[in-house]
Amino acid sequence: MARSLTYGGFPPLSKAAACLAFLLAPLPASALEILALGDSLTQGYGLPAPDGLVPQLEGWLQARGHDVTLVNGGVSGDTTAGGLSRVAWSLTPEIDAMIVTLGGNDVLRGIDPATSRDNLDGILQQAQSQDVPVLLVGMTAPGNYGPEYKAEFDSIYPALAETYGTLLFEDFFAGLREGGEMPANLGAVMQADGIHPNAEGVKKVVAALGPSVEALIAEAEED
């Protein structure tokens, strides 16, 4: 918030003293900037801008009293390789923390889980080198690639979170699952493609994910 001084009829020396006091007074703390590095789920594919993940999550956090700005680093169609290719220049000096939500497109393309793991490892290495705390948001593979693929892919996120000591939210879609399963009426929470949440679905994702982002904020504020 901008501060203003009213000099009134004060003499020149008082004006100078007032200016000095203004310059020396501590500035209000600036908002934390959190980079949301992800794919179309982060970018807000198929939704009006205010209904996307980043605006809804930012609003949820601000309503709970957090002075934060979320930077939308979602690129539709991006894989973990794409995220790795741009993380270094995305982590500008202004970024205080990062949410990583990648891997969904790797599964859709049947990419070797070992490759996905290496890419996510590289992203976390970059964050660690810049001392940026991370919330890693997990994805789970469907069973159509077989149990071995699913087990290997699903294990990537908790293993990397443990290795790097990052915060972990195990399943991006956790807020949509009822008793561990997606609701029978997918149209209530998903767009017609069955892949991307609709505005109501995003709201549920945010409600589940939000507390983990609050933990990330607390970690960033400690640095």
C-alpha atoms as a PDB file:
ATOM      1  CA  MET A   1       0.000   0.000   0.000  1.00  0.00           C
ATOM      2  CA  ALA A   2       1.467   3.387  -0.972  1.00  0.00           C
ATOM      3  CA  ARG A   3       2.245   5.796   1.840  1.00  0.00           C
ATOM      4  CA  SER A   4       1.841   9.546   1.566  1.00  0.00           C
ATOM      5  CA  LEU A   5       3.091  12.463   3.645  1.00  0.00           C
ATOM      6  CA  THR A   6       1.341  15.807   4.117  1.00  0.00           C
ATOM      7  CA  TYR A   7       3.796  18.628   4.721  1.00  0.00           C
ATOM      8  CA  GLY A   8       1.249  21.390   5.357  1.00  0.00           C
ATOM      9  CA  GLY A   9       2.958  24.558   6.558  1.00  0.00           C
ATOM     10  CA  PHE A  10       6.039  22.859   8.017  1.00  0.00           C
ATOM     11  CA  PRO A  11       9.367  24.662   7.522  1.00  0.00           C
ATOM     12  CA  PRO A  12      11.961  23.234   5.055  1.00  0.00           C
ATOM     13  CA  LEU A  13      13.963  21.444   7.779  1.00  0.00           C
ATOM     14  CA  SER A  14      10.831  19.582   8.915  1.00  0.00           C
ATOM     15  CA  LYS A  15      10.167  18.584   5.333  1.00  0.00           C
ATOM     16  CA  ALA A  16      13.649  17.141   5.040  1.00  0.00           C
ATOM     17  CA  ALA A  17      13.224  15.266   8.308  1.00  0.00           C
ATOM     18  CA  ALA A  18       9.900  13.914   7.139  1.00  0.00           C
ATOM     19  CA  CYS A  19      11.443  12.722   3.854  1.00  0.00           C
ATOM     20  CA  LEU A  20      14.273  11.025   5.724  1.00  0.00           C
ATOM     21  CA  ALA A  21      11.820   9.280   8.016  1.00  0.00           C
ATOM     22  CA  PHE A  22       9.843   8.136   4.984  1.00  0.00           C
ATOM     23  CA  LEU A  23      12.926   6.673   3.309  1.00  0.00           C
ATOM     24  CA  LEU A  24      14.099   4.900   6.445  1.00  0.00           C
ATOM     25  CA  ALA A  25      10.720   3.459   7.404  1.00  0.00           C
ATOM     26  CA  PRO A  26      10.421  -0.270   6.640  1.00  0.00           C
ATOM     27  CA  LEU A  27       8.449  -1.066   3.530  1.00  0.00           C
ATOM     28  CA  PRO A  28       5.508  -3.443   3.844  1.00  0.00           C
ATOM     29  CA  ALA A  29       6.422  -7.042   3.074  1.00  0.00           C
ATOM     30  CA  SER A  30       5.838  -7.940  -0.552  1.00  0.00           C
ATOM     31  CA  ALA A  31       3.611 -10.835  -1.501  1.00  0.00           C
ATOM     32  CA  LEU A  32       5.174 -14.249  -1.818  1.00  0.00           C
ATOM     33  CA  GLU A  33       5.427 -15.365  -5.433  1.00  0.00           C
ATOM     34  CA  ILE A  34       4.749 -19.042  -6.070  1.00  0.00           C
ATOM     35  CA  LEU A  35       5.409 -20.606  -9.453  1.00  0.00           C
ATOM     36  CA  ALA A  36       2.896 -23.260 -10.494  1.00  0.00           C
ATOM     37  CA  LEU A  37       4.872 -25.378 -12.977  1.00  0.00           C
ATOM     38  CA  GLY A  38       2.607 -27.771 -14.815  1.00  0.00           C
ATOM     39  CA  ASP A  39       0.605 -28.755 -17.863  1.00  0.00           C
ATOM     40  CA  SER A  40      -2.980 -28.088 -18.991  1.00  0.00           C
ATOM     41  CA  LEU A  41      -4.338 -28.947 -15.542  1.00  0.00           C
ATOM     42  CA  THR A  42      -2.364 -25.998 -14.196  1.00  0.00           C
ATOM     43  CA  GLN A  43      -2.855 -23.778 -17.242  1.00  0.00           C
ATOM     44  CA  GLY A  44      -6.654 -23.957 -16.990  1.00  0.00           C
ATOM     45  CA  TYR A  45      -7.449 -25.717 -20.248  1.00  0.00           C
ATOM     46  CA  GLY A  46     -11.050 -25.360 -21.450  1.00  0.00           C
ATOM     47  CA  LEU A  47     -12.079 -22.906 -18.737  1.00  0.00           C
ATOM     48  CA  PRO A  48     -12.653 -19.155 -18.513  1.00  0.00           C
ATOM     49  CA  ALA A  49      -9.519 -17.637 -16.991  1.00  0.00           C
ATOM     50  CA  PRO A  50     -11.026 -16.995 -13.522  1.00  0.00           C
ATOM     51  CA  ASP A  51     -12.123 -20.638 -13.208  1.00  0.00           C
ATOM     52  CA  GLY A  52      -8.681 -22.179 -13.763  1.00  0.00           C
ATOM     53  CA  LEU A  53      -6.571 -23.796 -11.070  1.00  0.00           C
ATOM     54  CA  VAL A  54      -4.174 -20.908 -10.510  1.00  0.00           C
ATOM     55  CA  PRO A  55      -6.784 -18.130 -10.096  1.00  0.00           C
ATOM     56  CA  GLN A  56      -9.015 -20.310  -7.904  1.00  0.00           C
ATOM     57  CA  LEU A  57      -6.097 -21.430  -5.742  1.00  0.00           C
ATOM     58  CA  GLU A  58      -4.783 -17.891  -5.399  1.00  0.00           C
ATOM     59  CA  GLY A  59      -8.236 -16.678  -4.373  1.00  0.00           C
ATOM     60  CA  TRP A  60      -8.579 -19.527  -1.863  1.00  0.00           C
ATOM     61  CA  LEU A  61      -5.244 -18.642  -0.281  1.00  0.00           C
ATOM     62  CA  GLN A  62      -5.909 -14.911  -0.192  1.00  0.00           C
ATOM     63  CA  ALA A  63      -9.322 -15.503   1.387  1.00  0.00           C
ATOM     64  CA  ARG A  64      -7.483 -17.310   4.176  1.00  0.00           C
ATOM     65  CA  GLY A  65      -5.243 -14.303   4.771  1.00  0.00           C
ATOM     66  CA  HIS A  66      -2.160 -15.245   2.749  1.00  0.00           C
ATOM     67  CA  ASP A  67      -0.402 -12.441   0.878  1.00  0.00           C
ATOM     68  CA  VAL A  68       0.582 -14.474  -2.174  1.00  0.00           C
ATOM     69  CA  THR A  69       0.736 -14.227  -5.926  1.00  0.00           C
ATOM     70  CA  LEU A  70       0.645 -17.386  -8.017  1.00  0.00           C
ATOM     71  CA  VAL A  71       2.475 -17.400 -11.340  1.00  0.00           C
ATOM     72  CA  ASN A  72       0.778 -19.599 -13.933  1.00  0.00           C
ATOM     73  CA  GLY A  73       3.544 -21.774 -15.367  1.00  0.00           C
ATOM     74  CA  GLY A  74       1.161 -24.265 -16.940  1.00  0.00           C
ATOM     75  CA  VAL A  75       1.724 -25.245 -20.568  1.00  0.00           C
ATOM     76  CA  SER A  76      -0.954 -27.346 -22.228  1.00  0.00           C
ATOM     77  CA  GLY A  77       0.409 -30.667 -23.470  1.00  0.00           C
ATOM     78  CA  ASP A  78       3.632 -30.398 -21.500  1.00  0.00           C
ATOM     79  CA  THR A  79       5.384 -33.523 -20.260  1.00  0.00           C
ATOM     80  CA  THR A  80       7.947 -33.776 -17.480  1.00  0.00           C
ATOM     81  CA  ALA A  81      10.586 -33.247 -20.180  1.00  0.00           C
ATOM     82  CA  GLY A  82       8.979 -29.940 -21.130  1.00  0.00           C
ATOM     83  CA  GLY A  83       8.905 -28.872 -17.506  1.00  0.00           C
ATOM     84  CA  LEU A  84      12.585 -29.718 -17.113  1.00  0.00           C
ATOM     85  CA  SER A  85      13.466 -27.744 -20.233  1.00  0.00           C
ATOM     86  CA  ARG A  86      11.968 -24.524 -18.858  1.00  0.00           C
ATOM     87  CA  VAL A  87      12.328 -24.740 -15.091  1.00  0.00           C
ATOM     88  CA  ALA A  88      15.675 -22.916 -14.944  1.00  0.00           C
ATOM     89  CA  TRP A  89      14.431 -19.769 -16.658  1.00  0.00           C
ATOM     90  CA  SER A  90      11.017 -20.013 -14.963  1.00  0.00           C
ATOM     91  CA  LEU A  91      12.607 -19.779 -11.520  1.00  0.00           C
ATOM     92  CA  THR A  92      13.330 -16.067 -11.673  1.00  0.00           C
ATOM     93  CA  PRO A  93      14.789 -14.316  -8.618  1.00  0.00           C
ATOM     94  CA  GLU A  94      11.288 -13.179  -7.612  1.00  0.00           C
ATOM     95  CA  ILE A  95      10.009 -16.736  -7.154  1.00  0.00           C
ATOM     96  CA  ASP A  96       9.835 -17.785  -3.489  1.00  0.00           C
ATOM     97  CA  ALA A  97       8.401 -21.296  -3.887  1.00  0.00           C
ATOM     98  CA  MET A  98       7.201 -23.711  -6.552  1.00  0.00           C
ATOM     99  CA  ILE A  99       4.347 -26.167  -7.063  1.00  0.00           C
ATOM    100  CA  VAL A 100       5.164 -28.932  -9.545  1.00  0.00           C
ATOM    101  CA  THR A 101       2.226 -30.690 -11.208  1.00  0.00           C
ATOM    102  CA  LEU A 102       3.580 -32.736 -14.093  1.00  0.00           C
ATOM    103  CA  GLY A 103       3.345 -36.305 -15.312  1.00  0.00           C
ATOM    104  CA  GLY A 104      -0.193 -36.633 -16.589  1.00  0.00           C
ATOM    105  CA  ASN A 105       0.864 -36.289 -20.231  1.00  0.00           C
ATOM    106  CA  ASP A 106       3.686 -38.756 -19.686  1.00  0.00           C
ATOM    107  CA  VAL A 107       1.086 -41.339 -18.733  1.00  0.00           C
ATOM    108  CA  LEU A 108      -1.157 -40.468 -21.674  1.00  0.00           C
ATOM    109  CA  ARG A 109       1.792 -41.053 -23.996  1.00  0.00           C
ATOM    110  CA  GLY A 110       2.973 -44.193 -22.232  1.00  0.00           C
ATOM    111  CA  ILE A 111       6.408 -42.722 -21.519  1.00  0.00           C
ATOM    112  CA  ASP A 112       8.780 -44.952 -19.574  1.00  0.00           C
ATOM    113  CA  PRO A 113       8.351 -44.118 -15.865  1.00  0.00           C
ATOM    114  CA  ALA A 114      12.133 -44.110 -15.480  1.00  0.00           C
ATOM    115  CA  THR A 115      12.294 -41.224 -17.948  1.00  0.00           C
ATOM    116  CA  SER A 116       9.578 -39.315 -16.108  1.00  0.00           C
ATOM    117  CA  ARG A 117      11.388 -39.866 -12.849  1.00  0.00           C
ATOM    118  CA  ASP A 118      14.672 -38.546 -14.275  1.00  0.00           C
ATOM    119  CA  ASN A 119      12.936 -35.415 -15.570  1.00  0.00           C
ATOM    120  CA  LEU A 120      11.209 -34.695 -12.261  1.00  0.00           C
ATOM    121  CA  ASP A 121      14.501 -35.357 -10.495  1.00  0.00           C
ATOM    122  CA  GLY A 122      16.110 -32.699 -12.682  1.00  0.00           C
ATOM    123  CA  ILE A 123      13.363 -30.209 -11.830  1.00  0.00           C
ATOM    124  CA  LEU A 124      13.828 -30.792  -8.118  1.00  0.00           C
ATOM    125  CA  GLN A 125      17.600 -30.527  -8.471  1.00  0.00           C
ATOM    126  CA  GLN A 126      17.169 -27.121 -10.089  1.00  0.00           C
ATOM    127  CA  ALA A 127      14.867 -25.939  -7.303  1.00  0.00           C
ATOM    128  CA  GLN A 128      17.278 -27.231  -4.678  1.00  0.00           C
ATOM    129  CA  SER A 129      20.204 -25.430  -6.323  1.00  0.00           C
ATOM    130  CA  GLN A 130      18.254 -22.171  -6.088  1.00  0.00           C
ATOM    131  CA  ASP A 131      17.016 -22.880  -2.555  1.00  0.00           C
ATOM    132  CA  VAL A 132      13.369 -22.791  -3.669  1.00  0.00           C
ATOM    133  CA  PRO A 133      10.993 -24.910  -1.564  1.00  0.00           C
ATOM    134  CA  VAL A 134       8.733 -27.223  -3.553  1.00  0.00           C
ATOM    135  CA  LEU A 135       5.352 -28.863  -3.257  1.00  0.00           C
ATOM    136  CA  LEU A 136       5.379 -31.931  -5.507  1.00  0.00           C
ATOM    137  CA  VAL A 137       1.890 -32.894  -6.686  1.00  0.00           C
ATOM    138  CA  GLY A 138       1.601 -36.540  -7.633  1.00  0.00           C
ATOM    139  CA  MET A 139      -0.207 -38.268 -10.445  1.00  0.00           C
ATOM    140  CA  THR A 140      -1.379 -41.861 -10.605  1.00  0.00           C
ATOM    141  CA  ALA A 141      -1.343 -44.073 -13.673  1.00  0.00           C
ATOM    142  CA  PRO A 142      -4.421 -45.991 -14.804  1.00  0.00           C
ATOM    143  CA  GLY A 143      -4.268 -49.753 -14.916  1.00  0.00           C
ATOM    144  CA  ASN A 144      -4.406 -50.117 -18.693  1.00  0.00           C
ATOM    145  CA  TYR A 145      -0.601 -50.194 -19.016  1.00  0.00           C
ATOM    146  CA  GLY A 146      -0.417 -53.076 -16.593  1.00  0.00           C
ATOM    147  CA  PRO A 147       0.315 -53.325 -12.863  1.00  0.00           C
ATOM    148  CA  GLU A 148       4.091 -53.021 -13.228  1.00  0.00           C
ATOM    149  CA  TYR A 149       3.863 -49.727 -15.116  1.00  0.00           C
ATOM    150  CA  LYS A 150       1.345 -48.361 -12.620  1.00  0.00           C
ATOM    151  CA  ALA A 151       3.391 -49.375  -9.598  1.00  0.00           C
ATOM    152  CA  GLU A 152       6.579 -47.891 -11.047  1.00  0.00           C
ATOM    153  CA  PHE A 153       4.930 -44.635 -12.090  1.00  0.00           C
ATOM    154  CA  ASP A 154       2.932 -44.126  -8.898  1.00  0.00           C
ATOM    155  CA  SER A 155       6.059 -44.604  -6.780  1.00  0.00           C
ATOM    156  CA  ILE A 156       7.929 -41.755  -8.469  1.00  0.00           C
ATOM    157  CA  TYR A 157       6.437 -38.930  -6.429  1.00  0.00           C
ATOM    158  CA  PRO A 158       6.775 -40.229  -2.858  1.00  0.00           C
ATOM    159  CA  ALA A 159      10.289 -41.483  -3.609  1.00  0.00           C
ATOM    160  CA  LEU A 160      11.466 -38.137  -4.980  1.00  0.00           C
ATOM    161  CA  ALA A 161       9.765 -36.196  -2.197  1.00  0.00           C
ATOM    162  CA  GLU A 162      11.643 -38.290   0.324  1.00  0.00           C
ATOM    163  CA  THR A 163      14.950 -37.902  -1.523  1.00  0.00           C
ATOM    164  CA  TYR A 164      14.717 -34.119  -1.731  1.00  0.00           C
ATOM    165  CA  GLY A 165      12.742 -33.486   1.451  1.00  0.00           C
ATOM    166  CA  THR A 166       9.999 -31.720  -0.473  1.00  0.00           C
ATOM    167  CA  LEU A 167       6.372 -31.434   0.487  1.00  0.00           C
ATOM    168  CA  LEU A 168       4.128 -33.967  -1.237  1.00  0.00           C
ATOM    169  CA  PHE A 169       0.474 -33.956  -2.241  1.00  0.00           C
ATOM    170  CA  GLU A 170       0.079 -37.503  -3.469  1.00  0.00           C
ATOM    171  CA  ASP A 171      -2.756 -37.231  -5.989  1.00  0.00           C
ATOM    172  CA  PHE A 172      -3.844 -34.161  -7.942  1.00  0.00           C
ATOM    173  CA  PHE A 173      -7.349 -35.615  -8.297  1.00  0.00           C
ATOM    174  CA  ALA A 174      -7.744 -36.533  -4.626  1.00  0.00           C
ATOM    175  CA  GLY A 175     -10.383 -33.855  -4.118  1.00  0.00           C
ATOM    176  CA  LEU A 176     -12.575 -35.435  -6.792  1.00  0.00           C
ATOM    177  CA  ARG A 177     -12.420 -38.998  -5.529  1.00  0.00           C
ATOM    178  CA  GLU A 178     -15.223 -40.365  -3.396  1.00  0.00           C
ATOM    179  CA  GLY A 179     -14.065 -43.299  -1.308  1.00  0.00           C
ATOM    180  CA  GLY A 180     -10.976 -43.550  -3.467  1.00  0.00           C
ATOM    181  CA  GLU A 181     -12.894 -43.639  -6.761  1.00  0.00           C
ATOM    182  CA  MET A 182     -13.958 -40.986  -9.251  1.00  0.00           C
ATOM    183  CA  PRO A 183     -17.671 -40.134  -8.940  1.00  0.00           C
ATOM    184  CA  ALA A 184     -20.136 -42.045 -11.103  1.00  0.00           C
ATOM    185  CA  ASN A 185     -21.393 -38.753 -12.540  1.00  0.00           C
ATOM    186  CA  LEU A 186     -18.134 -37.453 -14.017  1.00  0.00           C
ATOM    187  CA  GLY A 187     -19.978 -34.571 -15.669  1.00  0.00           C
ATOM    188  CA  ALA A 188     -20.458 -32.989 -12.263  1.00  0.00           C
ATOM    189  CA  VAL A 189     -16.712 -32.389 -11.871  1.00  0.00           C
ATOM    190  CA  MET A 190     -15.109 -32.997 -15.265  1.00  0.00           C
ATOM    191  CA  GLN A 191     -15.208 -31.419 -18.693  1.00  0.00           C
ATOM    192  CA  ALA A 192     -16.531 -33.444 -21.635  1.00  0.00           C
ATOM    193  CA  ASP A 193     -13.067 -34.865 -22.387  1.00  0.00           C
ATOM    194  CA  GLY A 194     -13.052 -36.697 -19.063  1.00  0.00           C
ATOM    195  CA  ILE A 195      -9.481 -35.499 -18.434  1.00  0.00           C
ATOM    196  CA  HIS A 196      -9.761 -31.908 -17.248  1.00  0.00           C
ATOM    197  CA  PRO A 197     -11.851 -30.748 -14.280  1.00  0.00           C
ATOM    198  CA  ASN A 198     -14.607 -28.244 -14.872  1.00  0.00           C
ATOM    199  CA  ALA A 199     -14.924 -25.148 -12.689  1.00  0.00           C
ATOM    200  CA  GLU A 200     -16.651 -27.094  -9.905  1.00  0.00           C
ATOM    201  CA  GLY A 201     -14.054 -29.834 -10.158  1.00  0.00           C
ATOM    202  CA  VAL A 202     -11.238 -27.305  -9.878  1.00  0.00           C
ATOM    203  CA  LYS A 203     -12.913 -25.906  -6.778  1.00  0.00           C
ATOM    204  CA  LYS A 204     -12.793 -29.367  -5.198  1.00  0.00           C
ATOM    205  CA  VAL A 205      -9.170 -29.851  -6.262  1.00  0.00           C
ATOM    206  CA  VAL A 206      -8.266 -26.520  -4.656  1.00  0.00           C
ATOM    207  CA  ALA A 207     -10.053 -27.356  -1.394  1.00  0.00           C
ATOM    208  CA  ALA A 208      -8.033 -30.577  -1.094  1.00  0.00           C
ATOM    209  CA  LEU A 209      -4.727 -29.147  -2.335  1.00  0.00           C
ATOM    210  CA  GLY A 210      -4.916 -25.812  -0.514  1.00  0.00           C
ATOM    211  CA  PRO A 211      -3.687 -26.918   2.928  1.00  0.00           C
ATOM    212  CA  SER A 212      -0.545 -28.392   1.358  1.00  0.00           C
ATOM    213  CA  VAL A 213       0.095 -25.072  -0.387  1.00  0.00           C
ATOM    214  CA  GLU A 214      -0.308 -23.362   2.976  1.00  0.00           C
ATOM    215  CA  ALA A 215       2.427 -25.651   4.297  1.00  0.00           C
ATOM    216  CA  LEU A 216       4.590 -24.574   1.339  1.00  0.00           C
ATOM    217  CA  ILE A 217       3.940 -20.918   2.186  1.00  0.00           C
ATOM    218  CA  ALA A 218       4.996 -21.532   5.782  1.00  0.00           C
ATOM    219  CA  GLU A 219       8.200 -23.160   4.558  1.00  0.00           C
ATOM    220  CA  ALA A 220       8.944 -20.274   2.190  1.00  0.00           C
ATOM    221  CA  GLU A 221       8.371 -17.714   4.929  1.00  0.00           C
ATOM    222  CA  GLU A 222      10.924 -19.471   7.130  1.00  0.00           C
ATOM    223  CA  ASP A 223      13.680 -18.998   4.539  1.00  0.00           C
END
